[in-house]
Amino acid sequence: MASSRRDFLTYTSLGMVAAAMQAEAQVPAELPPGAPVAFGTSPAVGPEVSPATFTEAEKLMQLEMTPMDRTTAASNWRMQMAPLLERRTGPRKIALEATLAPATHWNPSLPGIVKAPQGGNHFIRSMDARAELPASDDAIAFAPVWQLSRWIESRKLTSTRLTEIYLHRLERFNAQLRCVITLTREHALAQAHQADAEIAAGRYRGPLHGIPWGAKDLLDTAGIPTTYGAEPYRNRVPETNSTVVERLNAADAVLVAKLSLGALALNDIWFGGQTMNPWLLEEGSSGSSAGPGAAVAAGLVGFAIGSETGGSIVSPSMRCGVTGLRPTFGRVPRTGAMTLCWSLDKLGPMARCVEDTALVLKAISGPDGRDLAGVPSELAFDAAADVKGLRVGYFPGWMKEAPATDVDRAALEAVKKLGMMPVEVSLPDWPYDSLYVILFAEAAAAFEELTLSHQIDELKMQVADAWPNCFRQARFL
C-alpha cells in the first residue's frame, strides 16, 4: 500500500502500465525523473475501455490514431477523461435548471461596424378610415389588427365580443387543424372584460389593447401549461411568464390559446397529431411555428408569436400564407422561452399583414436585463409613408429556379409598379451548413437530461431526421 503521495503516483502509474502491456502496444514504464503526474490521478469511473474502443470511436470522430496512441489513451481514460463526465454520469451529478444559459456572450455583430441612426423610435399606425364594423363575425375575425384596434378604440367593437368570436372559431376549427394545445377561455374572457372596463374609463393603452392573440406553446405562461408540444412536458405548468408574455400583458393584449409546435420546435407534428394548413387540409402547416401559422391564416387569432432557429417562422408563414417577421437575433428577449439553440433562437410575430407584425414587434422589442443576447433597437414606422423609392433586395438566380414560382416573380413585378426599386443582391459562397454544428451541439446540450434519461424516446417522431436521433448522434460532436 502506498505510504506517500509519491509512492501512490508511482504505483498507480506502474499499475496502469501493466494493464496496458496486455494490449497491442506498450507505454513507457517510468516517467522522467522529477516529472510529477499532471493529470489522470482521479479515481477510475465509467465503463472499461480498450484500444479497440478507440479504434471504433475513430470512425465517428474522424481521427486516426496509431496503435501506441490507442493504448496510451485506453490506459488512463477512466482516470483522466471519464471523471470529467461525472456531472451527467455520476456519482456527483449536478442538476442544471432549465433557465441556465452559457456563460459566454454571443454577439453576431461584425467588428468595426457602427449602427447608423434610423430616424428615431416612432410608430404611426394606419388612421381610422371610419370603416363600418362588418355584420359578419367571420369578416371581423379576418380583419387586420390595426383595423381591429381602431374599432376597439372607437368603441364600435368590444374586446369581449372579439375574444368570443375567436374562442368560438378556435373551438370550431381546431378538430380539423389541430393547432391548439391549450385553449385559455376563462383567462381570455377575464382579460377581455378588464380591457373593456379600462377603455370605457378612458384608459386606452394602444393598438394591442383588447386584441386576442395566440402563443406558440414554448412561451412560459404563469399557471397555464407550456408543453413544448412534447410528450414529456405535457403536464408542465410554469410559475412565471416569459418576457414576451409580460410585455403583451402590459399592452393589454388577450391570450386566447397556446398554439401547437412540432415537438421541441421541429416540423409540425406534436403529441396531439399533425397541425394542418387551413388552405389545403391534406398537407401540414409546416413548422415549427405550426399552430401560429395555421391559426393566423384561418382567422382564429388576431396575431400570434412564433419562434425561429432555422426557418420556423418563415416556413409556416410561407406555407399558410401569412406575414411572418423573424427579427434580428437579440432584438426580442427570449427569457422564459424554451431554449433550442442559445446562439440562433429568435422570437417574432406572425399576422395577416406587414403593419400588424410591426405593431407587435414594437411591443415586444428591447432588452429585459435577463437575456444576455438582448440589444437595444429602434423601430421607425409610418403606415402613411410613401413606399416609392424604397429599395427591395432580391436574388436574381433564385427567381429563375425552384422553389421560386410565378407568384414570386409576379411579386417582383408588383414591387416595380409600386415605385419601389428592385436591387440585385448576392451572398458570399460560404459553407452555411456549418451552422448545423452549432444547432445540433447546443440543442443536444439544452436537452441533455431528456436524452440521457431516455425520455426523448417518448416523442412521436422517431425517424432518422427527427430530434431524438439528432440529439443522440450529437453526443459525438
Protein backbone atom coordinates (compact mmCIF):
# COMPACT_ATOMS: atom_id res chain seq x y z
CA MET A 1 0.00 0.00 0.00
CA ALA A 2 1.37 3.41 -0.95
CA SER A 3 2.62 5.32 2.11
CA SER A 4 3.10 8.67 0.41
CA ARG A 5 1.69 10.66 -2.48
CA ARG A 6 4.88 9.97 -4.47
CA ASP A 7 4.55 6.22 -3.82
CA PHE A 8 0.85 6.36 -4.71
CA LEU A 9 1.52 8.10 -8.02
CA THR A 10 4.39 5.77 -8.81
CA TYR A 11 2.44 2.57 -8.08
CA THR A 12 -0.68 3.91 -9.82
CA SER A 13 1.32 4.69 -12.95
CA LEU A 14 3.05 1.29 -12.87
CA GLY A 15 -0.29 -0.45 -12.43
CA MET A 16 -1.71 1.33 -15.44
CA VAL A 17 1.34 0.36 -17.48
CA ALA A 18 0.99 -3.29 -16.50
CA ALA A 19 -2.61 -3.31 -17.69
CA ALA A 20 -1.75 -1.57 -20.93
CA MET A 21 1.07 -4.00 -21.75
CA GLN A 22 -1.51 -6.68 -22.33
CA ALA A 23 -2.83 -4.66 -25.30
CA GLU A 24 -1.44 -4.26 -28.80
CA ALA A 25 1.47 -1.99 -27.78
CA GLN A 26 3.35 -0.81 -24.71
CA VAL A 27 3.67 2.59 -23.00
CA PRO A 28 6.76 3.89 -21.19
CA ALA A 29 7.27 2.12 -17.83
CA GLU A 30 8.65 5.13 -15.98
CA LEU A 31 8.28 8.89 -16.06
CA PRO A 32 11.38 11.07 -16.48
CA PRO A 33 12.99 11.96 -13.13
CA GLY A 34 11.36 14.93 -11.40
CA ALA A 35 8.25 14.88 -13.62
CA PRO A 36 5.13 14.52 -11.45
CA VAL A 37 1.93 13.19 -12.92
CA ALA A 38 -0.11 16.21 -14.09
CA PHE A 39 -3.39 14.52 -15.00
CA GLY A 40 -5.06 11.15 -14.68
CA THR A 41 -4.94 10.89 -10.89
CA SER A 42 -8.70 10.79 -10.24
CA PRO A 43 -10.41 7.58 -9.12
CA ALA A 44 -11.39 5.41 -12.08
CA VAL A 45 -15.01 5.81 -13.18
CA GLY A 46 -17.14 4.74 -16.09
CA PRO A 47 -17.06 1.62 -18.25
CA GLU A 48 -13.90 -0.28 -19.09
CA VAL A 49 -12.29 0.73 -22.36
CA SER A 50 -9.59 -0.83 -24.51
CA PRO A 51 -7.58 0.19 -27.58
CA ALA A 52 -10.33 -1.46 -29.62
CA THR A 53 -12.83 1.03 -28.14
CA PHE A 54 -10.82 3.91 -29.59
CA THR A 55 -10.44 2.11 -32.92
CA GLU A 56 -14.23 2.16 -33.33
CA ALA A 57 -14.58 5.71 -31.96
CA GLU A 58 -12.16 6.99 -34.61
CA LYS A 59 -14.82 6.32 -37.24
CA LEU A 60 -17.17 8.80 -35.53
CA MET A 61 -14.59 11.43 -34.63
CA GLN A 62 -12.63 11.36 -37.93
CA LEU A 63 -9.37 10.95 -36.09
CA GLU A 64 -6.75 8.32 -36.95
CA MET A 65 -4.59 7.14 -34.07
CA THR A 66 -1.55 4.87 -34.04
CA PRO A 67 -1.57 1.63 -32.04
CA MET A 68 0.59 3.32 -29.40
CA ASP A 69 -1.84 6.29 -29.29
CA ARG A 70 -4.79 3.96 -28.70
CA THR A 71 -3.02 2.04 -25.95
CA THR A 72 -1.94 5.22 -24.19
CA ALA A 73 -5.46 6.64 -24.39
CA ALA A 74 -7.03 3.43 -23.06
CA SER A 75 -4.54 3.22 -20.19
CA ASN A 76 -5.91 6.20 -18.26
CA TRP A 77 -9.22 7.20 -19.85
CA ARG A 78 -11.16 6.11 -16.76
CA MET A 79 -8.91 8.24 -14.51
CA GLN A 80 -8.34 11.24 -16.79
CA MET A 81 -11.31 11.96 -19.06
CA ALA A 82 -14.20 9.88 -17.70
CA PRO A 83 -14.23 11.72 -14.33
CA LEU A 84 -14.91 14.95 -16.24
CA LEU A 85 -18.23 13.43 -17.28
CA GLU A 86 -19.35 12.92 -13.67
CA ARG A 87 -21.85 15.76 -13.94
CA ARG A 88 -24.00 13.59 -16.17
CA THR A 89 -22.84 10.04 -15.29
CA GLY A 90 -22.41 10.39 -11.51
CA PRO A 91 -21.72 9.96 -8.77
CA ARG A 92 -21.53 13.77 -8.34
CA LYS A 93 -24.23 14.57 -10.86
CA ILE A 94 -25.32 18.21 -10.93
CA ALA A 95 -28.86 19.20 -11.91
CA LEU A 96 -28.93 22.25 -14.16
CA GLU A 97 -32.06 24.39 -14.14
CA ALA A 98 -33.80 24.80 -17.48
CA THR A 99 -33.27 28.57 -17.48
CA LEU A 100 -29.48 28.30 -17.32
CA ALA A 101 -27.65 29.86 -20.29
CA PRO A 102 -24.00 29.58 -21.31
CA ALA A 103 -21.59 31.91 -19.54
CA THR A 104 -20.28 33.28 -22.80
CA HIS A 105 -21.93 36.17 -24.62
CA TRP A 106 -22.67 35.58 -28.30
CA ASN A 107 -22.78 38.79 -30.35
CA PRO A 108 -23.12 38.33 -34.13
CA SER A 109 -22.40 42.00 -34.95
CA LEU A 110 -19.35 42.38 -37.16
CA PRO A 111 -16.40 44.28 -35.60
CA GLY A 112 -15.98 47.89 -36.61
CA ILE A 113 -19.48 48.35 -37.96
CA VAL A 114 -21.31 51.20 -36.28
CA LYS A 115 -25.09 51.13 -36.49
CA ALA A 116 -26.35 54.17 -38.36
CA PRO A 117 -29.19 56.19 -36.81
CA GLN A 118 -32.53 55.06 -38.21
CA GLY A 119 -34.54 58.19 -37.53
CA GLY A 120 -35.74 57.63 -34.02
CA ASN A 121 -38.14 55.29 -32.34
CA HIS A 122 -41.59 56.29 -33.54
CA PHE A 123 -44.58 54.36 -34.80
CA ILE A 124 -47.57 55.71 -36.70
CA ARG A 125 -50.23 53.11 -37.47
CA SER A 126 -52.92 53.39 -40.11
CA MET A 127 -55.52 56.04 -39.44
CA ASP A 128 -59.12 55.23 -38.67
CA ALA A 129 -60.77 55.11 -42.10
CA ARG A 130 -64.20 55.25 -40.46
CA ALA A 131 -64.80 51.76 -41.78
CA GLU A 132 -68.10 50.31 -40.65
CA LEU A 133 -67.97 47.25 -38.46
CA PRO A 134 -68.94 44.22 -40.61
CA ALA A 135 -72.13 42.41 -39.74
CA SER A 136 -70.40 39.05 -40.16
CA ASP A 137 -68.31 37.64 -37.33
CA ASP A 138 -66.15 35.91 -39.92
CA ALA A 139 -65.33 39.23 -41.60
CA ILE A 140 -64.39 40.72 -38.24
CA ALA A 141 -62.18 37.73 -37.45
CA PHE A 142 -60.12 38.16 -40.62
CA ALA A 143 -59.66 41.92 -40.23
CA PRO A 144 -56.07 43.09 -39.64
CA VAL A 145 -55.00 44.02 -36.14
CA TRP A 146 -54.63 47.71 -36.97
CA GLN A 147 -58.28 47.84 -38.09
CA LEU A 148 -59.49 45.84 -35.09
CA SER A 149 -57.62 48.26 -32.87
CA ARG A 150 -59.37 51.25 -34.44
CA TRP A 151 -62.80 49.64 -33.93
CA ILE A 152 -61.95 48.90 -30.30
CA GLU A 153 -60.53 52.38 -29.73
CA SER A 154 -63.69 53.99 -31.14
CA ARG A 155 -65.83 51.51 -29.13
CA LYS A 156 -67.54 50.11 -32.20
CA LEU A 157 -66.25 46.72 -31.04
CA THR A 158 -65.57 45.41 -27.56
CA SER A 159 -62.67 43.19 -26.65
CA THR A 160 -65.13 40.76 -25.09
CA ARG A 161 -67.08 40.32 -28.32
CA LEU A 162 -63.89 39.95 -30.37
CA THR A 163 -62.50 37.46 -27.88
CA GLU A 164 -65.70 35.39 -28.01
CA ILE A 165 -65.56 35.40 -31.82
CA TYR A 166 -62.04 33.99 -31.78
CA LEU A 167 -62.75 31.48 -29.00
CA HIS A 168 -65.73 30.18 -30.98
CA ARG A 169 -63.63 29.83 -34.13
CA LEU A 170 -60.82 28.11 -32.22
CA GLU A 171 -63.28 25.57 -30.86
CA ARG A 172 -64.99 25.16 -34.24
CA PHE A 173 -61.93 24.58 -36.42
CA ASN A 174 -59.35 23.03 -34.13
CA ALA A 175 -60.58 19.48 -34.75
CA GLN A 176 -59.51 19.87 -38.39
CA LEU A 177 -56.38 21.94 -37.90
CA ARG A 178 -55.02 20.57 -34.59
CA CYS A 179 -53.39 23.94 -33.95
CA VAL A 180 -54.41 24.43 -30.28
CA ILE A 181 -52.69 22.75 -27.36
CA THR A 182 -54.42 24.71 -24.59
CA LEU A 183 -57.48 26.92 -25.00
CA THR A 184 -57.40 29.68 -22.36
CA ARG A 185 -61.12 30.54 -22.35
CA GLU A 186 -61.58 31.75 -18.75
CA HIS A 187 -58.26 33.55 -18.70
CA ALA A 188 -59.02 35.28 -22.01
CA LEU A 189 -62.50 36.42 -21.06
CA ALA A 190 -61.18 37.84 -17.77
CA GLN A 191 -58.54 39.81 -19.68
CA ALA A 192 -61.12 41.00 -22.22
CA HIS A 193 -63.54 42.19 -19.53
CA GLN A 194 -60.71 44.11 -17.87
CA ALA A 195 -59.70 45.67 -21.19
CA ASP A 196 -63.26 46.82 -21.87
CA ALA A 197 -63.53 48.33 -18.40
CA GLU A 198 -60.30 50.29 -18.84
CA ILE A 199 -61.27 51.55 -22.29
CA ALA A 200 -64.70 52.59 -21.02
CA ALA A 201 -62.93 54.54 -18.28
CA GLY A 202 -60.84 56.38 -20.88
CA ARG A 203 -57.62 54.44 -20.31
CA TYR A 204 -56.89 53.18 -23.83
CA ARG A 205 -53.36 51.76 -23.81
CA GLY A 206 -52.60 51.46 -27.51
CA PRO A 207 -53.12 49.35 -30.62
CA LEU A 208 -52.88 45.94 -28.90
CA HIS A 209 -55.34 46.81 -26.12
CA GLY A 210 -58.02 44.13 -26.11
CA ILE A 211 -56.64 42.26 -29.17
CA PRO A 212 -56.79 38.44 -28.85
CA TRP A 213 -53.58 36.57 -29.68
CA GLY A 214 -52.06 33.11 -29.56
CA ALA A 215 -48.69 32.00 -28.20
CA LYS A 216 -46.57 29.23 -29.62
CA ASP A 217 -46.52 26.76 -26.75
CA LEU A 218 -42.88 27.29 -25.87
CA LEU A 219 -43.52 30.68 -24.21
CA ASP A 220 -43.98 30.30 -20.47
CA THR A 221 -47.38 31.42 -19.17
CA ALA A 222 -47.87 31.56 -15.40
CA GLY A 223 -50.42 28.99 -14.27
CA ILE A 224 -51.13 27.87 -17.84
CA PRO A 225 -49.48 24.73 -19.29
CA THR A 226 -46.46 25.24 -21.54
CA THR A 227 -45.74 21.86 -23.12
CA TYR A 228 -43.22 22.42 -25.93
CA GLY A 229 -45.52 20.13 -27.95
CA ALA A 230 -43.58 17.18 -26.49
CA GLU A 231 -44.88 14.20 -24.54
CA PRO A 232 -42.50 14.52 -21.55
CA TYR A 233 -43.71 18.08 -20.90
CA ARG A 234 -47.47 17.59 -21.27
CA ASN A 235 -48.08 18.42 -17.60
CA ARG A 236 -45.56 21.24 -17.28
CA VAL A 237 -47.09 24.39 -15.73
CA PRO A 238 -44.70 27.35 -15.27
CA GLU A 239 -44.95 29.68 -12.29
CA THR A 240 -43.89 32.83 -14.14
CA ASN A 241 -44.48 34.49 -17.51
CA SER A 242 -41.90 34.81 -20.24
CA THR A 243 -40.77 38.35 -21.05
CA VAL A 244 -42.78 38.44 -24.29
CA VAL A 245 -45.94 37.38 -22.44
CA GLU A 246 -45.24 40.00 -19.76
CA ARG A 247 -44.95 42.70 -22.41
CA LEU A 248 -48.10 41.69 -24.24
CA ASN A 249 -49.94 41.58 -20.91
CA ALA A 250 -48.68 45.12 -20.27
CA ALA A 251 -50.08 46.12 -23.68
CA ASP A 252 -53.40 44.57 -22.56
CA ALA A 253 -53.49 42.01 -25.36
CA VAL A 254 -55.73 38.99 -24.66
CA LEU A 255 -54.23 35.48 -24.69
CA VAL A 256 -56.82 33.09 -26.16
CA ALA A 257 -54.72 29.98 -26.86
CA LYS A 258 -51.39 28.23 -26.53
CA LEU A 259 -50.72 27.11 -30.09
CA SER A 260 -49.05 23.98 -31.39
CA LEU A 261 -45.49 23.47 -32.46
CA GLY A 262 -43.65 20.46 -33.75
CA ALA A 263 -42.30 18.68 -30.68
CA LEU A 264 -39.37 20.63 -29.23
CA ALA A 265 -39.61 23.05 -32.16
CA LEU A 266 -39.20 20.81 -35.20
CA ASN A 267 -41.72 20.44 -38.03
CA ASP A 268 -45.48 20.30 -37.39
CA ILE A 269 -46.11 17.02 -35.53
CA TRP A 270 -46.75 17.18 -31.78
CA PHE A 271 -48.29 14.86 -29.19
CA GLY A 272 -51.79 15.79 -30.42
CA GLY A 273 -51.11 14.94 -34.06
CA GLN A 274 -50.12 16.99 -37.10
CA THR A 275 -51.12 20.65 -37.50
CA MET A 276 -52.63 21.22 -40.93
CA ASN A 277 -52.61 24.01 -43.49
CA PRO A 278 -56.06 25.70 -43.46
CA TRP A 279 -55.98 26.21 -47.23
CA LEU A 280 -55.04 22.62 -48.06
CA LEU A 281 -56.08 20.23 -45.32
CA GLU A 282 -54.16 17.36 -46.91
CA GLU A 283 -50.80 18.94 -46.02
CA GLY A 284 -49.17 20.03 -42.79
CA SER A 285 -48.81 23.68 -41.91
CA SER A 286 -45.02 23.33 -41.78
CA GLY A 287 -43.06 24.18 -38.67
CA SER A 288 -42.07 24.57 -36.16
CA SER A 289 -44.43 27.53 -35.57
CA ALA A 290 -47.16 25.32 -36.98
CA GLY A 291 -50.04 26.44 -34.76
CA PRO A 292 -49.36 30.18 -35.14
CA GLY A 293 -49.23 29.81 -38.92
CA ALA A 294 -52.47 27.83 -39.14
CA ALA A 295 -54.38 29.89 -36.54
CA VAL A 296 -53.49 33.25 -38.09
CA ALA A 297 -54.31 32.02 -41.60
CA ALA A 298 -57.67 30.61 -40.51
CA GLY A 299 -58.71 33.77 -38.65
CA LEU A 300 -58.63 32.12 -35.22
CA VAL A 301 -56.49 34.83 -33.55
CA GLY A 302 -55.62 38.44 -34.27
CA PHE A 303 -51.90 37.63 -34.27
CA ALA A 304 -49.51 35.07 -32.85
CA ILE A 305 -45.98 34.82 -31.54
CA GLY A 306 -43.73 32.24 -33.17
CA SER A 307 -40.08 31.33 -32.79
CA GLU A 308 -37.35 30.62 -35.29
CA THR A 309 -33.99 28.93 -35.03
CA GLY A 310 -33.61 27.99 -38.69
CA GLY A 311 -36.82 28.78 -40.58
CA SER A 312 -39.57 28.13 -38.05
CA ILE A 313 -41.35 31.46 -38.63
CA VAL A 314 -40.56 31.86 -42.31
CA SER A 315 -41.57 28.35 -43.37
CA PRO A 316 -45.09 28.09 -41.85
CA SER A 317 -45.76 31.70 -42.88
CA MET A 318 -44.99 30.79 -46.48
CA ARG A 319 -46.96 27.54 -46.31
CA CYS A 320 -50.06 29.08 -44.71
CA GLY A 321 -49.96 32.43 -46.50
CA VAL A 322 -49.43 34.79 -43.57
CA THR A 323 -46.89 37.51 -42.80
CA GLY A 324 -44.05 36.36 -40.59
CA LEU A 325 -41.44 38.72 -39.17
CA ARG A 326 -38.31 36.98 -37.96
CA PRO A 327 -36.45 39.71 -36.02
CA THR A 328 -32.71 40.16 -35.90
CA PHE A 329 -31.03 37.99 -33.26
CA GLY A 330 -31.10 39.78 -29.90
CA ARG A 331 -33.92 42.19 -30.66
CA VAL A 332 -36.63 40.30 -28.74
CA PRO A 333 -35.77 38.81 -25.32
CA ARG A 334 -36.13 35.04 -25.07
CA THR A 335 -36.37 34.88 -21.27
CA GLY A 336 -38.95 32.27 -20.37
CA ALA A 337 -38.99 30.71 -23.83
CA MET A 338 -37.87 27.14 -24.49
CA THR A 339 -34.21 27.02 -25.45
CA LEU A 340 -33.31 25.03 -28.52
CA CYS A 341 -30.14 26.85 -29.55
CA TRP A 342 -28.81 29.77 -27.50
CA SER A 343 -26.88 31.15 -30.47
CA LEU A 344 -29.70 31.06 -33.03
CA ASP A 345 -33.13 31.25 -31.33
CA LYS A 346 -35.38 34.24 -32.15
CA LEU A 347 -38.98 35.17 -31.25
CA GLY A 348 -41.23 37.14 -33.58
CA PRO A 349 -44.79 37.98 -34.65
CA MET A 350 -46.98 36.27 -37.23
CA ALA A 351 -50.04 38.12 -38.53
CA ARG A 352 -52.14 38.82 -41.62
CA CYS A 353 -50.29 41.93 -42.83
CA VAL A 354 -46.96 43.67 -42.51
CA GLU A 355 -48.21 46.55 -40.38
CA ASP A 356 -49.63 44.11 -37.82
CA THR A 357 -46.26 42.41 -37.38
CA ALA A 358 -44.63 45.80 -36.88
CA LEU A 359 -47.22 46.74 -34.25
CA VAL A 360 -46.42 43.59 -32.31
CA LEU A 361 -42.66 43.87 -32.78
CA LYS A 362 -42.74 47.33 -31.23
CA ALA A 363 -44.44 45.93 -28.13
CA ILE A 364 -42.02 43.04 -27.55
CA SER A 365 -38.64 44.51 -28.57
CA GLY A 366 -35.81 45.68 -26.34
CA PRO A 367 -33.51 44.21 -23.66
CA ASP A 368 -35.03 42.84 -20.47
CA GLY A 369 -31.83 42.56 -18.47
CA ARG A 370 -32.15 38.78 -18.29
CA ASP A 371 -31.45 37.56 -21.83
CA LEU A 372 -27.74 38.33 -22.27
CA ALA A 373 -28.16 38.46 -26.05
CA GLY A 374 -30.66 41.35 -25.83
CA VAL A 375 -29.68 44.58 -27.56
CA PRO A 376 -31.36 48.00 -27.85
CA SER A 377 -33.11 48.64 -31.15
CA GLU A 378 -35.15 51.27 -32.93
CA LEU A 379 -38.36 50.97 -34.91
CA ALA A 380 -39.36 53.85 -37.15
CA PHE A 381 -42.63 53.11 -38.94
CA ASP A 382 -45.21 55.31 -40.62
CA ALA A 383 -48.12 53.47 -42.22
CA ALA A 384 -48.97 56.52 -44.33
CA ALA A 385 -45.46 56.98 -45.73
CA ASP A 386 -45.00 56.58 -49.48
CA VAL A 387 -43.19 53.41 -50.47
CA LYS A 388 -41.90 54.96 -53.67
CA GLY A 389 -38.13 54.83 -53.81
CA LEU A 390 -37.72 52.08 -51.22
CA ARG A 391 -35.12 49.51 -52.22
CA VAL A 392 -36.11 45.83 -52.29
CA GLY A 393 -33.32 43.29 -52.45
CA TYR A 394 -33.75 40.05 -54.38
CA PHE A 395 -31.61 37.18 -55.60
CA PRO A 396 -31.86 37.02 -59.41
CA GLY A 397 -30.63 33.44 -59.62
CA TRP A 398 -33.18 32.22 -57.10
CA MET A 399 -36.02 33.81 -59.05
CA LYS A 400 -35.25 31.58 -62.03
CA GLU A 401 -35.29 28.22 -60.28
CA ALA A 402 -37.36 26.12 -57.89
CA PRO A 403 -38.74 26.65 -55.33
CA ALA A 404 -39.48 30.14 -56.77
CA THR A 405 -42.79 30.22 -58.66
CA ASP A 406 -44.68 32.57 -60.93
CA VAL A 407 -46.19 34.07 -57.78
CA ASP A 408 -42.74 35.16 -56.59
CA ARG A 409 -41.88 36.61 -59.99
CA ALA A 410 -45.21 38.44 -60.10
CA ALA A 411 -44.46 39.92 -56.68
CA LEU A 412 -41.21 41.33 -58.02
CA GLU A 413 -43.08 42.97 -60.89
CA ALA A 414 -45.63 44.39 -58.44
CA VAL A 415 -42.78 45.97 -56.47
CA LYS A 416 -41.70 47.82 -59.60
CA LYS A 417 -45.24 49.04 -60.33
CA LEU A 418 -45.49 50.49 -56.82
CA GLY A 419 -42.42 52.60 -57.46
CA MET A 420 -40.00 50.63 -55.34
CA MET A 421 -36.54 49.83 -56.63
CA PRO A 422 -35.56 46.15 -57.03
CA VAL A 423 -31.88 45.71 -56.20
CA GLU A 424 -29.95 42.57 -57.09
CA VAL A 425 -28.11 41.10 -54.12
CA SER A 426 -25.93 38.05 -53.60
CA LEU A 427 -24.49 36.01 -50.77
CA PRO A 428 -20.83 35.03 -50.44
CA ASP A 429 -20.03 31.41 -51.17
CA TRP A 430 -19.62 30.28 -47.59
CA PRO A 431 -20.25 26.83 -46.03
CA TYR A 432 -23.54 27.81 -44.39
CA ASP A 433 -24.28 24.19 -43.46
CA SER A 434 -21.58 24.55 -40.81
CA LEU A 435 -24.18 26.38 -38.71
CA TYR A 436 -25.74 22.98 -38.09
CA VAL A 437 -22.78 22.17 -35.86
CA ILE A 438 -23.95 24.98 -33.55
CA LEU A 439 -27.58 23.91 -33.77
CA PHE A 440 -27.03 20.21 -33.10
CA ALA A 441 -24.45 20.69 -30.34
CA GLU A 442 -26.42 23.36 -28.47
CA ALA A 443 -29.75 21.57 -28.87
CA ALA A 444 -28.24 18.34 -27.59
CA ALA A 445 -26.85 20.29 -24.62
CA ALA A 446 -30.19 22.02 -23.95
CA PHE A 447 -31.97 18.65 -23.86
CA GLU A 448 -29.13 16.59 -22.45
CA GLU A 449 -31.07 15.26 -19.48
CA LEU A 450 -34.06 14.39 -21.68
CA THR A 451 -31.76 12.35 -23.93
CA LEU A 452 -29.73 10.62 -21.23
CA SER A 453 -32.84 9.70 -19.25
CA HIS A 454 -34.41 8.24 -22.42
CA GLN A 455 -37.48 10.45 -22.06
CA ILE A 456 -36.68 11.59 -25.59
CA ASP A 457 -37.89 8.13 -26.61
CA GLU A 458 -41.45 9.24 -25.78
CA LEU A 459 -41.65 11.65 -28.72
CA LYS A 460 -43.98 10.59 -31.50
CA MET A 461 -41.40 11.19 -34.25
CA GLN A 462 -38.51 8.70 -34.01
CA VAL A 463 -37.27 8.82 -37.61
CA ALA A 464 -33.65 9.47 -38.58
CA ASP A 465 -34.02 13.24 -39.13
CA ALA A 466 -36.12 13.95 -36.01
CA TRP A 467 -34.71 15.34 -32.76
CA PRO A 468 -34.35 12.06 -30.82
CA ASN A 469 -31.80 10.65 -33.24
CA CYS A 470 -30.14 14.05 -33.77
CA PHE A 471 -29.71 14.55 -30.02
CA ARG A 472 -28.24 11.09 -29.58
CA GLN A 473 -25.84 11.47 -32.51
CA ALA A 474 -24.79 14.95 -31.40
CA ARG A 475 -23.24 13.46 -28.25
CA PHE A 476 -20.36 12.56 -30.56
CA LEU A 477 -19.78 16.06 -31.95
